[in-house]
Amino acid sequence: MSNKAKKIALLLLFAAGSAAQASNVDVGISVAGEVSPGVYGRVDIGNSRPQVLYQQPVMIVRQPRPVVVQPVYMHVPPGHAKKWDKHCHKYNACAQPVYFVKSSEYGNGKHKHKKHKHHDD
């Protein structure tokens, strides 16, 4: 590619980039021949496969920044703590770390079952 053709290609790339930024239009330019030093951007390869720097393609995906959420302390009935996924919405605490505070209701590992009176009794 001659120097004149390179200059025209660079001017077209610059103009296309400026127009694309201004009006959000997708513009592509293909230049036949070898990849030239100092000319950077997308390369349309057609049917041939050029030599590549790395054997695996590189893909950058922006990950959302993790939000640091402070844990909350909850005093809930033992059954709610045991099946937290079914009860967390009642306490508005499903999407955050929770520590369950022990109380006499939890005992020493043996749950005290209260007798419930039913209306039928």
PDB file of N, CA and C in Angstrom:
ATOM      1  N   MET A   1       0.861  -1.173   0.000  1.00  0.00           N
ATOM      2  CA  MET A   1       0.000   0.000   0.000  1.00  0.00           C
ATOM      3  C   MET A   1       0.900   1.226   0.000  1.00  0.00           C
ATOM      4  N   SER A   2       0.624   2.170  -0.841  1.00  0.00           N
ATOM      5  CA  SER A   2       1.460   3.368  -0.962  1.00  0.00           C
ATOM      6  C   SER A   2       1.203   4.312   0.208  1.00  0.00           C
ATOM      7  N   ASN A   3       2.123   5.257   0.392  1.00  0.00           N
ATOM      8  CA  ASN A   3       1.960   6.244   1.459  1.00  0.00           C
ATOM      9  C   ASN A   3       0.697   7.062   1.269  1.00  0.00           C
ATOM     10  N   LYS A   4       0.384   7.387   0.016  1.00  0.00           N
ATOM     11  CA  LYS A   4      -0.811   8.177  -0.273  1.00  0.00           C
ATOM     12  C   LYS A   4      -2.071   7.396   0.120  1.00  0.00           C
ATOM     13  N   ALA A   5      -2.101   6.092  -0.193  1.00  0.00           N
ATOM     14  CA  ALA A   5      -3.252   5.252   0.147  1.00  0.00           C
ATOM     15  C   ALA A   5      -3.382   5.127   1.671  1.00  0.00           C
ATOM     16  N   LYS A   6      -2.243   5.027   2.366  1.00  0.00           N
ATOM     17  CA  LYS A   6      -2.256   4.936   3.835  1.00  0.00           C
ATOM     18  C   LYS A   6      -2.833   6.215   4.443  1.00  0.00           C
ATOM     19  N   LYS A   7      -2.395   7.359   3.905  1.00  0.00           N
ATOM     20  CA  LYS A   7      -2.892   8.638   4.416  1.00  0.00           C
ATOM     21  C   LYS A   7      -4.396   8.763   4.188  1.00  0.00           C
ATOM     22  N   ILE A   8      -4.859   8.344   3.011  1.00  0.00           N
ATOM     23  CA  ILE A   8      -6.297   8.404   2.718  1.00  0.00           C
ATOM     24  C   ILE A   8      -7.063   7.472   3.656  1.00  0.00           C
ATOM     25  N   ALA A   9      -6.517   6.270   3.887  1.00  0.00           N
ATOM     26  CA  ALA A   9      -7.171   5.319   4.796  1.00  0.00           C
ATOM     27  C   ALA A   9      -7.244   5.885   6.203  1.00  0.00           C
ATOM     28  N   LEU A  10      -6.161   6.508   6.672  1.00  0.00           N
ATOM     29  CA  LEU A  10      -6.158   7.112   8.008  1.00  0.00           C
ATOM     30  C   LEU A  10      -7.167   8.244   8.109  1.00  0.00           C
ATOM     31  N   LEU A  11      -7.226   9.092   7.074  1.00  0.00           N
ATOM     32  CA  LEU A  11      -8.205  10.181   7.070  1.00  0.00           C
ATOM     33  C   LEU A  11      -9.631   9.644   7.097  1.00  0.00           C
ATOM     34  N   LEU A  12      -9.880   8.582   6.330  1.00  0.00           N
ATOM     35  CA  LEU A  12     -11.206   7.972   6.322  1.00  0.00           C
ATOM     36  C   LEU A  12     -11.548   7.372   7.684  1.00  0.00           C
ATOM     37  N   LEU A  13     -10.562   6.700   8.297  1.00  0.00           N
ATOM     38  CA  LEU A  13     -10.784   6.143   9.633  1.00  0.00           C
ATOM     39  C   LEU A  13     -11.091   7.243  10.645  1.00  0.00           C
ATOM     40  N   PHE A  14     -10.330   8.330  10.599  1.00  0.00           N
ATOM     41  CA  PHE A  14     -10.554   9.451  11.509  1.00  0.00           C
ATOM     42  C   PHE A  14     -11.926  10.063  11.290  1.00  0.00           C
ATOM     43  N   ALA A  15     -12.281  10.284  10.029  1.00  0.00           N
ATOM     44  CA  ALA A  15     -13.583  10.877   9.706  1.00  0.00           C
ATOM     45  C   ALA A  15     -14.713   9.945  10.127  1.00  0.00           C
ATOM     46  N   ALA A  16     -14.539   8.659   9.871  1.00  0.00           N
ATOM     47  CA  ALA A  16     -15.574   7.693  10.234  1.00  0.00           C
ATOM     48  C   ALA A  16     -15.731   7.628  11.744  1.00  0.00           C
ATOM     49  N   GLY A  17     -14.618   7.665  12.473  1.00  0.00           N
ATOM     50  CA  GLY A  17     -14.679   7.641  13.938  1.00  0.00           C
ATOM     51  C   GLY A  17     -15.376   8.858  14.487  1.00  0.00           C
ATOM     52  N   SER A  18     -15.077  10.028  13.939  1.00  0.00           N
ATOM     53  CA  SER A  18     -15.722  11.263  14.389  1.00  0.00           C
ATOM     54  C   SER A  18     -17.208  11.237  14.086  1.00  0.00           C
ATOM     55  N   ALA A  19     -17.580  10.782  12.897  1.00  0.00           N
ATOM     56  CA  ALA A  19     -18.995  10.720  12.516  1.00  0.00           C
ATOM     57  C   ALA A  19     -19.727   9.689  13.367  1.00  0.00           C
ATOM     58  N   ALA A  20     -19.070   8.577  13.644  1.00  0.00           N
ATOM     59  CA  ALA A  20     -19.716   7.533  14.438  1.00  0.00           C
ATOM     60  C   ALA A  20     -19.976   8.027  15.850  1.00  0.00           C
ATOM     61  N   GLN A  21     -19.047   8.782  16.421  1.00  0.00           N
ATOM     62  CA  GLN A  21     -19.262   9.316  17.761  1.00  0.00           C
ATOM     63  C   GLN A  21     -20.372  10.342  17.769  1.00  0.00           C
ATOM     64  N   ALA A  22     -20.420  11.184  16.764  1.00  0.00           N
ATOM     65  CA  ALA A  22     -21.393  12.269  16.735  1.00  0.00           C
ATOM     66  C   ALA A  22     -22.806  11.770  16.519  1.00  0.00           C
ATOM     67  N   SER A  23     -22.980  10.765  15.654  1.00  0.00           N
ATOM     68  CA  SER A  23     -24.345  10.358  15.337  1.00  0.00           C
ATOM     69  C   SER A  23     -24.627   8.903  15.692  1.00  0.00           C
ATOM     70  N   ASN A  24     -23.687   8.249  16.367  1.00  0.00           N
ATOM     71  CA  ASN A  24     -23.876   6.872  16.808  1.00  0.00           C
ATOM     72  C   ASN A  24     -24.150   5.934  15.631  1.00  0.00           C
ATOM     73  N   VAL A  25     -23.426   6.118  14.534  1.00  0.00           N
ATOM     74  CA  VAL A  25     -23.576   5.326  13.321  1.00  0.00           C
ATOM     75  C   VAL A  25     -22.425   4.335  13.255  1.00  0.00           C
ATOM     76  N   ASP A  26     -22.708   3.090  12.865  1.00  0.00           N
ATOM     77  CA  ASP A  26     -21.668   2.075  12.730  1.00  0.00           C
ATOM     78  C   ASP A  26     -21.072   2.152  11.337  1.00  0.00           C
ATOM     79  N   VAL A  27     -19.787   2.459  11.253  1.00  0.00           N
ATOM     80  CA  VAL A  27     -19.111   2.602   9.973  1.00  0.00           C
ATOM     81  C   VAL A  27     -17.933   1.644   9.950  1.00  0.00           C
ATOM     82  N   GLY A  28     -17.762   0.912   8.838  1.00  0.00           N
ATOM     83  CA  GLY A  28     -16.638   0.002   8.712  1.00  0.00           C
ATOM     84  C   GLY A  28     -15.863   0.290   7.451  1.00  0.00           C
ATOM     85  N   ILE A  29     -14.541   0.139   7.519  1.00  0.00           N
ATOM     86  CA  ILE A  29     -13.691   0.359   6.355  1.00  0.00           C
ATOM     87  C   ILE A  29     -12.790  -0.853   6.217  1.00  0.00           C
ATOM     88  N   SER A  30     -12.691  -1.405   5.032  1.00  0.00           N
ATOM     89  CA  SER A  30     -11.794  -2.522   4.755  1.00  0.00           C
ATOM     90  C   SER A  30     -10.679  -2.019   3.856  1.00  0.00           C
ATOM     91  N   VAL A  31      -9.447  -2.350   4.216  1.00  0.00           N
ATOM     92  CA  VAL A  31      -8.295  -1.978   3.405  1.00  0.00           C
ATOM     93  C   VAL A  31      -7.610  -3.270   3.005  1.00  0.00           C
ATOM     94  N   ALA A  32      -7.427  -3.480   1.706  1.00  0.00           N
ATOM     95  CA  ALA A  32      -6.799  -4.702   1.222  1.00  0.00           C
ATOM     96  C   ALA A  32      -5.289  -4.612   1.406  1.00  0.00           C
ATOM     97  N   GLY A  33      -4.639  -5.742   1.586  1.00  0.00           N
ATOM     98  CA  GLY A  33      -3.187  -5.767   1.692  1.00  0.00           C
ATOM     99  C   GLY A  33      -2.742  -6.149   3.082  1.00  0.00           C
ATOM    100  N   GLU A  34      -1.481  -5.955   3.357  1.00  0.00           N
ATOM    101  CA  GLU A  34      -0.883  -6.294   4.643  1.00  0.00           C
ATOM    102  C   GLU A  34      -1.351  -5.345   5.744  1.00  0.00           C
ATOM    103  N   VAL A  35      -1.286  -5.830   6.972  1.00  0.00           N
ATOM    104  CA  VAL A  35      -1.568  -4.982   8.124  1.00  0.00           C
ATOM    105  C   VAL A  35      -0.384  -4.045   8.280  1.00  0.00           C
ATOM    106  N   SER A  36      -0.632  -2.749   8.344  1.00  0.00           N
ATOM    107  CA  SER A  36       0.430  -1.750   8.395  1.00  0.00           C
ATOM    108  C   SER A  36       0.747  -1.350   9.824  1.00  0.00           C
ATOM    109  N   PRO A  37       2.026  -1.221  10.143  1.00  0.00           N
ATOM    110  CA  PRO A  37       2.403  -0.739  11.468  1.00  0.00           C
ATOM    111  C   PRO A  37       1.853   0.666  11.696  1.00  0.00           C
ATOM    112  N   GLY A  38       1.339   0.920  12.876  1.00  0.00           N
ATOM    113  CA  GLY A  38       0.814   2.236  13.211  1.00  0.00           C
ATOM    114  C   GLY A  38      -0.635   2.437  12.829  1.00  0.00           C
ATOM    115  N   VAL A  39      -1.228   1.513  12.091  1.00  0.00           N
ATOM    116  CA  VAL A  39      -2.646   1.588  11.744  1.00  0.00           C
ATOM    117  C   VAL A  39      -3.346   0.517  12.563  1.00  0.00           C
ATOM    118  N   TYR A  40      -4.203   0.926  13.476  1.00  0.00           N
ATOM    119  CA  TYR A  40      -4.807   0.005  14.425  1.00  0.00           C
ATOM    120  C   TYR A  40      -6.311  -0.048  14.252  1.00  0.00           C
ATOM    121  N   GLY A  41      -6.903  -1.168  14.611  1.00  0.00           N
ATOM    122  CA  GLY A  41      -8.347  -1.320  14.569  1.00  0.00           C
ATOM    123  C   GLY A  41      -8.733  -2.714  14.115  1.00  0.00           C
ATOM    124  N   ARG A  42      -9.995  -2.868  13.807  1.00  0.00           N
ATOM    125  CA  ARG A  42     -10.537  -4.154  13.388  1.00  0.00           C
ATOM    126  C   ARG A  42      -9.992  -4.545  12.017  1.00  0.00           C
ATOM    127  N   VAL A  43      -9.708  -5.838  11.847  1.00  0.00           N
ATOM    128  CA  VAL A  43      -9.180  -6.350  10.592  1.00  0.00           C
ATOM    129  C   VAL A  43     -10.206  -7.329  10.030  1.00  0.00           C
ATOM    130  N   ASP A  44     -10.730  -7.036   8.840  1.00  0.00           N
ATOM    131  CA  ASP A  44     -11.622  -7.964   8.156  1.00  0.00           C
ATOM    132  C   ASP A  44     -10.756  -8.942   7.394  1.00  0.00           C
ATOM    133  N   ILE A  45     -10.840 -10.235   7.744  1.00  0.00           N
ATOM    134  CA  ILE A  45      -9.885 -11.202   7.208  1.00  0.00           C
ATOM    135  C   ILE A  45     -10.389 -11.977   6.005  1.00  0.00           C
ATOM    136  N   GLY A  46     -11.663 -11.907   5.678  1.00  0.00           N
ATOM    137  CA  GLY A  46     -12.178 -12.653   4.532  1.00  0.00           C
ATOM    138  C   GLY A  46     -12.108 -14.145   4.792  1.00  0.00           C
ATOM    139  N   ASN A  47     -11.583 -14.899   3.820  1.00  0.00           N
ATOM    140  CA  ASN A  47     -11.525 -16.361   3.943  1.00  0.00           C
ATOM    141  C   ASN A  47     -10.217 -16.872   4.519  1.00  0.00           C
ATOM    142  N   SER A  48      -9.197 -16.031   4.614  1.00  0.00           N
ATOM    143  CA  SER A  48      -7.904 -16.484   5.131  1.00  0.00           C
ATOM    144  C   SER A  48      -7.831 -16.238   6.630  1.00  0.00           C
ATOM    145  N   ARG A  49      -6.947 -16.988   7.273  1.00  0.00           N
ATOM    146  CA  ARG A  49      -6.756 -16.812   8.714  1.00  0.00           C
ATOM    147  C   ARG A  49      -5.355 -16.263   8.949  1.00  0.00           C
ATOM    148  N   PRO A  50      -5.229 -15.044   9.486  1.00  0.00           N
ATOM    149  CA  PRO A  50      -3.901 -14.459   9.701  1.00  0.00           C
ATOM    150  C   PRO A  50      -3.205 -15.085  10.907  1.00  0.00           C
ATOM    151  N   GLN A  51      -1.933 -14.839  11.017  1.00  0.00           N
ATOM    152  CA  GLN A  51      -1.198 -15.261  12.203  1.00  0.00           C
ATOM    153  C   GLN A  51      -1.682 -14.405  13.369  1.00  0.00           C
ATOM    154  N   VAL A  52      -1.812 -15.023  14.533  1.00  0.00           N
ATOM    155  CA  VAL A  52      -2.329 -14.310  15.700  1.00  0.00           C
ATOM    156  C   VAL A  52      -1.299 -14.328  16.823  1.00  0.00           C
ATOM    157  N   LEU A  53      -1.410 -13.352  17.706  1.00  0.00           N
ATOM    158  CA  LEU A  53      -0.481 -13.205  18.817  1.00  0.00           C
ATOM    159  C   LEU A  53      -0.702 -14.286  19.870  1.00  0.00           C
ATOM    160  N   TYR A  54      -1.972 -14.548  20.237  1.00  0.00           N
ATOM    161  CA  TYR A  54      -2.328 -15.557  21.235  1.00  0.00           C
ATOM    162  C   TYR A  54      -3.221 -16.601  20.576  1.00  0.00           C
ATOM    163  N   GLN A  55      -3.105 -17.858  20.971  1.00  0.00           N
ATOM    164  CA  GLN A  55      -3.902 -18.928  20.379  1.00  0.00           C
ATOM    165  C   GLN A  55      -5.374 -18.860  20.807  1.00  0.00           C
ATOM    166  N   GLN A  56      -5.645 -18.363  21.998  1.00  0.00           N
ATOM    167  CA  GLN A  56      -7.016 -18.245  22.503  1.00  0.00           C
ATOM    168  C   GLN A  56      -7.496 -16.808  22.348  1.00  0.00           C
ATOM    169  N   PRO A  57      -8.768 -16.615  21.941  1.00  0.00           N
ATOM    170  CA  PRO A  57      -9.278 -15.243  21.852  1.00  0.00           C
ATOM    171  C   PRO A  57      -9.409 -14.629  23.245  1.00  0.00           C
ATOM    172  N   VAL A  58      -9.305 -13.320  23.318  1.00  0.00           N
ATOM    173  CA  VAL A  58      -9.409 -12.595  24.585  1.00  0.00           C
ATOM    174  C   VAL A  58     -10.738 -11.860  24.591  1.00  0.00           C
ATOM    175  N   MET A  59     -11.473 -11.983  25.693  1.00  0.00           N
ATOM    176  CA  MET A  59     -12.747 -11.287  25.802  1.00  0.00           C
ATOM    177  C   MET A  59     -12.813 -10.609  27.165  1.00  0.00           C
ATOM    178  N   ILE A  60     -13.107  -9.337  27.157  1.00  0.00           N
ATOM    179  CA  ILE A  60     -13.201  -8.571  28.383  1.00  0.00           C
ATOM    180  C   ILE A  60     -14.677  -8.314  28.664  1.00  0.00           C
ATOM    181  N   VAL A  61     -15.122  -8.722  29.842  1.00  0.00           N
ATOM    182  CA  VAL A  61     -16.508  -8.497  30.261  1.00  0.00           C
ATOM    183  C   VAL A  61     -16.452  -7.713  31.556  1.00  0.00           C
ATOM    184  N   ARG A  62     -17.103  -6.593  31.554  1.00  0.00           N
ATOM    185  CA  ARG A  62     -17.125  -5.788  32.780  1.00  0.00           C
ATOM    186  C   ARG A  62     -18.045  -6.437  33.805  1.00  0.00           C
ATOM    187  N   GLN A  63     -17.474  -6.726  34.938  1.00  0.00           N
ATOM    188  CA  GLN A  63     -18.242  -7.315  36.028  1.00  0.00           C
ATOM    189  C   GLN A  63     -18.739  -6.191  36.927  1.00  0.00           C
ATOM    190  N   PRO A  64     -19.964  -6.322  37.400  1.00  0.00           N
ATOM    191  CA  PRO A  64     -20.422  -5.302  38.344  1.00  0.00           C
ATOM    192  C   PRO A  64     -19.555  -5.351  39.602  1.00  0.00           C
ATOM    193  N   ARG A  65     -19.283  -4.177  40.119  1.00  0.00           N
ATOM    194  CA  ARG A  65     -18.467  -4.133  41.334  1.00  0.00           C
ATOM    195  C   ARG A  65     -19.258  -4.734  42.488  1.00  0.00           C
ATOM    196  N   PRO A  66     -18.602  -5.593  43.271  1.00  0.00           N
ATOM    197  CA  PRO A  66     -19.319  -6.179  44.401  1.00  0.00           C
ATOM    198  C   PRO A  66     -19.658  -5.099  45.426  1.00  0.00           C
ATOM    199  N   VAL A  67     -20.834  -5.186  45.949  1.00  0.00           N
ATOM    200  CA  VAL A  67     -21.270  -4.249  46.963  1.00  0.00           C
ATOM    201  C   VAL A  67     -21.045  -4.918  48.313  1.00  0.00           C
ATOM    202  N   VAL A  68     -20.301  -4.257  49.158  1.00  0.00           N
ATOM    203  CA  VAL A  68     -20.047  -4.799  50.485  1.00  0.00           C
ATOM    204  C   VAL A  68     -21.275  -4.527  51.349  1.00  0.00           C
ATOM    205  N   VAL A  69     -21.880  -5.610  51.786  1.00  0.00           N
ATOM    206  CA  VAL A  69     -23.085  -5.492  52.606  1.00  0.00           C
ATOM    207  C   VAL A  69     -22.737  -5.951  54.008  1.00  0.00           C
ATOM    208  N   GLN A  70     -22.983  -5.100  54.957  1.00  0.00           N
ATOM    209  CA  GLN A  70     -22.717  -5.452  56.343  1.00  0.00           C
ATOM    210  C   GLN A  70     -23.737  -6.489  56.811  1.00  0.00           C
ATOM    211  N   PRO A  71     -23.310  -7.486  57.566  1.00  0.00           N
ATOM    212  CA  PRO A  71     -24.262  -8.471  58.068  1.00  0.00           C
ATOM    213  C   PRO A  71     -25.217  -7.840  59.079  1.00  0.00           C
ATOM    214  N   VAL A  72     -26.394  -8.415  59.169  1.00  0.00           N
ATOM    215  CA  VAL A  72     -27.363  -7.981  60.166  1.00  0.00           C
ATOM    216  C   VAL A  72     -27.546  -9.108  61.172  1.00  0.00           C
ATOM    217  N   TYR A  73     -27.971  -8.747  62.359  1.00  0.00           N
ATOM    218  CA  TYR A  73     -28.225  -9.712  63.417  1.00  0.00           C
ATOM    219  C   TYR A  73     -29.724  -9.838  63.580  1.00  0.00           C
ATOM    220  N   MET A  74     -30.215 -11.062  63.558  1.00  0.00           N
ATOM    221  CA  MET A  74     -31.652 -11.296  63.639  1.00  0.00           C
ATOM    222  C   MET A  74     -31.962 -12.247  64.785  1.00  0.00           C
ATOM    223  N   HIS A  75     -33.023 -11.937  65.476  1.00  0.00           N
ATOM    224  CA  HIS A  75     -33.582 -12.867  66.454  1.00  0.00           C
ATOM    225  C   HIS A  75     -34.888 -13.354  65.862  1.00  0.00           C
ATOM    226  N   VAL A  76     -34.893 -14.607  65.468  1.00  0.00           N
ATOM    227  CA  VAL A  76     -36.064 -15.184  64.815  1.00  0.00           C
ATOM    228  C   VAL A  76     -36.357 -16.529  65.467  1.00  0.00           C
ATOM    229  N   PRO A  77     -37.564 -17.042  65.310  1.00  0.00           N
ATOM    230  CA  PRO A  77     -37.871 -18.378  65.840  1.00  0.00           C
ATOM    231  C   PRO A  77     -36.951 -19.429  65.220  1.00  0.00           C
ATOM    232  N   PRO A  78     -36.652 -20.489  65.938  1.00  0.00           N
ATOM    233  CA  PRO A  78     -35.740 -21.520  65.431  1.00  0.00           C
ATOM    234  C   PRO A  78     -36.146 -22.065  64.062  1.00  0.00           C
ATOM    235  N   GLY A  79     -37.407 -22.247  63.809  1.00  0.00           N
ATOM    236  CA  GLY A  79     -37.864 -22.761  62.519  1.00  0.00           C
ATOM    237  C   GLY A  79     -37.584 -21.805  61.378  1.00  0.00           C
ATOM    238  N   HIS A  80     -37.652 -20.496  61.661  1.00  0.00           N
ATOM    239  CA  HIS A  80     -37.353 -19.502  60.632  1.00  0.00           C
ATOM    240  C   HIS A  80     -35.872 -19.527  60.283  1.00  0.00           C
ATOM    241  N   ALA A  81     -35.017 -19.676  61.295  1.00  0.00           N
ATOM    242  CA  ALA A  81     -33.573 -19.737  61.045  1.00  0.00           C
ATOM    243  C   ALA A  81     -33.220 -20.997  60.261  1.00  0.00           C
ATOM    244  N   LYS A  82     -33.877 -22.089  60.592  1.00  0.00           N
ATOM    245  CA  LYS A  82     -33.584 -23.366  59.941  1.00  0.00           C
ATOM    246  C   LYS A  82     -33.969 -23.336  58.466  1.00  0.00           C
ATOM    247  N   LYS A  83     -35.074 -22.716  58.134  1.00  0.00           N
ATOM    248  CA  LYS A  83     -35.544 -22.622  56.744  1.00  0.00           C
ATOM    249  C   LYS A  83     -35.601 -21.153  56.336  1.00  0.00           C
ATOM    250  N   TRP A  84     -34.442 -20.496  56.436  1.00  0.00           N
ATOM    251  CA  TRP A  84     -34.349 -19.056  56.200  1.00  0.00           C
ATOM    252  C   TRP A  84     -34.825 -18.658  54.810  1.00  0.00           C
ATOM    253  N   ASP A  85     -34.584 -19.507  53.821  1.00  0.00           N
ATOM    254  CA  ASP A  85     -34.982 -19.170  52.456  1.00  0.00           C
ATOM    255  C   ASP A  85     -36.495 -18.996  52.318  1.00  0.00           C
ATOM    256  N   LYS A  86     -37.255 -19.599  53.211  1.00  0.00           N
ATOM    257  CA  LYS A  86     -38.716 -19.459  53.153  1.00  0.00           C
ATOM    258  C   LYS A  86     -39.225 -18.292  54.005  1.00  0.00           C
ATOM    259  N   HIS A  87     -38.384 -17.766  54.885  1.00  0.00           N
ATOM    260  CA  HIS A  87     -38.856 -16.744  55.825  1.00  0.00           C
ATOM    261  C   HIS A  87     -38.137 -15.398  55.711  1.00  0.00           C
ATOM    262  N   CYS A  88     -37.028 -15.330  54.978  1.00  0.00           N
ATOM    263  CA  CYS A  88     -36.233 -14.099  54.944  1.00  0.00           C
ATOM    264  C   CYS A  88     -37.027 -12.897  54.432  1.00  0.00           C
ATOM    265  N   HIS A  89     -37.975 -13.123  53.533  1.00  0.00           N
ATOM    266  CA  HIS A  89     -38.758 -12.004  52.987  1.00  0.00           C
ATOM    267  C   HIS A  89     -39.591 -11.312  54.058  1.00  0.00           C
ATOM    268  N   LYS A  90     -39.985 -12.040  55.085  1.00  0.00           N
ATOM    269  CA  LYS A  90     -40.777 -11.442  56.176  1.00  0.00           C
ATOM    270  C   LYS A  90     -39.959 -10.403  56.943  1.00  0.00           C
ATOM    271  N   TYR A  91     -38.652 -10.570  56.924  1.00  0.00           N
ATOM    272  CA  TYR A  91     -37.758  -9.682  57.660  1.00  0.00           C
ATOM    273  C   TYR A  91     -37.007  -8.725  56.735  1.00  0.00           C
ATOM    274  N   ASN A  92     -37.323  -8.766  55.445  1.00  0.00           N
ATOM    275  CA  ASN A  92     -36.652  -7.937  54.443  1.00  0.00           C
ATOM    276  C   ASN A  92     -35.136  -8.116  54.506  1.00  0.00           C
ATOM    277  N   ALA A  93     -34.695  -9.373  54.535  1.00  0.00           N
ATOM    278  CA  ALA A  93     -33.272  -9.664  54.695  1.00  0.00           C
ATOM    279  C   ALA A  93     -32.819 -10.836  53.820  1.00  0.00           C
ATOM    280  N   CYS A  94     -33.435 -11.003  52.668  1.00  0.00           N
ATOM    281  CA  CYS A  94     -33.062 -12.138  51.804  1.00  0.00           C
ATOM    282  C   CYS A  94     -31.723 -11.934  51.103  1.00  0.00           C
ATOM    283  N   ALA A  95     -31.398 -10.734  50.728  1.00  0.00           N
ATOM    284  CA  ALA A  95     -30.189 -10.497  49.929  1.00  0.00           C
ATOM    285  C   ALA A  95     -29.052  -9.931  50.768  1.00  0.00           C
ATOM    286  N   GLN A  96     -28.937 -10.386  51.997  1.00  0.00           N
ATOM    287  CA  GLN A  96     -27.844  -9.908  52.824  1.00  0.00           C
ATOM    288  C   GLN A  96     -27.431 -10.975  53.817  1.00  0.00           C
ATOM    289  N   PRO A  97     -26.190 -10.899  54.281  1.00  0.00           N
ATOM    290  CA  PRO A  97     -25.731 -11.882  55.267  1.00  0.00           C
ATOM    291  C   PRO A  97     -26.416 -11.653  56.612  1.00  0.00           C
ATOM    292  N   VAL A  98     -26.786 -12.757  57.245  1.00  0.00           N
ATOM    293  CA  VAL A  98     -27.530 -12.685  58.500  1.00  0.00           C
ATOM    294  C   VAL A  98     -26.866 -13.576  59.543  1.00  0.00           C
ATOM    295  N   TYR A  99     -26.688 -13.040  60.733  1.00  0.00           N
ATOM    296  CA  TYR A  99     -26.314 -13.826  61.903  1.00  0.00           C
ATOM    297  C   TYR A  99     -27.559 -13.996  62.738  1.00  0.00           C
ATOM    298  N   PHE A 100     -27.827 -15.224  63.176  1.00  0.00           N
ATOM    299  CA  PHE A 100     -28.984 -15.465  64.026  1.00  0.00           C
ATOM    300  C   PHE A 100     -28.532 -15.439  65.477  1.00  0.00           C
ATOM    301  N   VAL A 101     -29.188 -14.621  66.267  1.00  0.00           N
ATOM    302  CA  VAL A 101     -28.842 -14.442  67.670  1.00  0.00           C
ATOM    303  C   VAL A 101     -29.514 -15.541  68.483  1.00  0.00           C
ATOM    304  N   LYS A 102     -28.718 -16.231  69.304  1.00  0.00           N
ATOM    305  CA  LYS A 102     -29.263 -17.302  70.145  1.00  0.00           C
ATOM    306  C   LYS A 102     -30.065 -16.714  71.292  1.00  0.00           C
ATOM    307  N   SER A 103     -31.054 -17.458  71.689  1.00  0.00           N
ATOM    308  CA  SER A 103     -31.823 -17.095  72.875  1.00  0.00           C
ATOM    309  C   SER A 103     -32.255 -18.383  73.561  1.00  0.00           C
ATOM    310  N   SER A 104     -32.992 -18.265  74.638  1.00  0.00           N
ATOM    311  CA  SER A 104     -33.419 -19.453  75.372  1.00  0.00           C
ATOM    312  C   SER A 104     -34.314 -20.349  74.522  1.00  0.00           C
ATOM    313  N   GLU A 105     -34.911 -19.807  73.480  1.00  0.00           N
ATOM    314  CA  GLU A 105     -35.751 -20.620  72.601  1.00  0.00           C
ATOM    315  C   GLU A 105     -34.949 -21.709  71.896  1.00  0.00           C
ATOM    316  N   TYR A 106     -33.661 -21.454  71.687  1.00  0.00           N
ATOM    317  CA  TYR A 106     -32.837 -22.428  70.997  1.00  0.00           C
ATOM    318  C   TYR A 106     -32.341 -23.516  71.932  1.00  0.00           C
ATOM    319  N   GLY A 107     -32.296 -23.251  73.198  1.00  0.00           N
ATOM    320  CA  GLY A 107     -31.865 -24.249  74.170  1.00  0.00           C
ATOM    321  C   GLY A 107     -30.446 -24.714  73.914  1.00  0.00           C
ATOM    322  N   ASN A 108     -30.173 -25.956  74.271  1.00  0.00           N
ATOM    323  CA  ASN A 108     -28.824 -26.504  74.095  1.00  0.00           C
ATOM    324  C   ASN A 108     -28.806 -27.534  72.957  1.00  0.00           C
ATOM    325  N   GLY A 109     -29.496 -27.241  71.910  1.00  0.00           N
ATOM    326  CA  GLY A 109     -29.541 -28.156  70.781  1.00  0.00           C
ATOM    327  C   GLY A 109     -30.809 -28.991  70.772  1.00  0.00           C
ATOM    328  N   LYS A 110     -31.457 -29.079  71.930  1.00  0.00           N
ATOM    329  CA  LYS A 110     -32.723 -29.808  72.008  1.00  0.00           C
ATOM    330  C   LYS A 110     -33.831 -28.772  71.981  1.00  0.00           C
ATOM    331  N   HIS A 111     -34.623 -28.798  70.947  1.00  0.00           N
ATOM    332  CA  HIS A 111     -35.699 -27.823  70.827  1.00  0.00           C
ATOM    333  C   HIS A 111     -36.848 -28.201  71.746  1.00  0.00           C
ATOM    334  N   LYS A 112     -37.309 -27.214  72.474  1.00  0.00           N
ATOM    335  CA  LYS A 112     -38.468 -27.419  73.334  1.00  0.00           C
ATOM    336  C   LYS A 112     -39.703 -27.191  72.484  1.00  0.00           C
ATOM    337  N   HIS A 113     -40.520 -28.201  72.384  1.00  0.00           N
ATOM    338  CA  HIS A 113     -41.735 -28.063  71.606  1.00  0.00           C
ATOM    339  C   HIS A 113     -42.871 -27.678  72.526  1.00  0.00           C
ATOM    340  N   LYS A 114     -43.513 -26.603  72.205  1.00  0.00           N
ATOM    341  CA  LYS A 114     -44.654 -26.156  72.987  1.00  0.00           C
ATOM    342  C   LYS A 114     -45.882 -26.887  72.487  1.00  0.00           C
ATOM    343  N   LYS A 115     -46.747 -27.224  73.381  1.00  0.00           N
ATOM    344  CA  LYS A 115     -47.995 -27.837  72.979  1.00  0.00           C
ATOM    345  C   LYS A 115     -48.922 -26.737  72.534  1.00  0.00           C
ATOM    346  N   HIS A 116     -49.434 -26.889  71.331  1.00  0.00           N
ATOM    347  CA  HIS A 116     -50.353 -25.902  70.799  1.00  0.00           C
ATOM    348  C   HIS A 116     -51.773 -26.387  70.983  1.00  0.00           C
ATOM    349  N   LYS A 117     -52.619 -25.490  71.444  1.00  0.00           N
ATOM    350  CA  LYS A 117     -54.023 -25.843  71.545  1.00  0.00           C
ATOM    351  C   LYS A 117     -54.673 -25.578  70.202  1.00  0.00           C
ATOM    352  N   HIS A 118     -55.383 -26.545  69.726  1.00  0.00           N
ATOM    353  CA  HIS A 118     -56.107 -26.392  68.491  1.00  0.00           C
ATOM    354  C   HIS A 118     -57.562 -26.141  68.815  1.00  0.00           C
ATOM    355  N   HIS A 119     -58.245 -25.481  67.945  1.00  0.00           N
ATOM    356  CA  HIS A 119     -59.647 -25.164  68.174  1.00  0.00           C
ATOM    357  C   HIS A 119     -60.494 -26.435  68.272  1.00  0.00           C
ATOM    358  N   ASP A 120     -59.979 -27.537  67.700  1.00  0.00           N
ATOM    359  CA  ASP A 120     -60.749 -28.764  67.720  1.00  0.00           C
ATOM    360  C   ASP A 120     -60.671 -29.453  69.070  1.00  0.00           C
ATOM    361  N   ASP A 121     -59.678 -29.064  69.938  1.00  0.00           N
ATOM    362  CA  ASP A 121     -59.498 -29.756  71.244  1.00  0.00           C
ATOM    363  C   ASP A 121     -60.570 -29.396  72.212  1.00  0.00           C
TER     364      ASP A 121
END
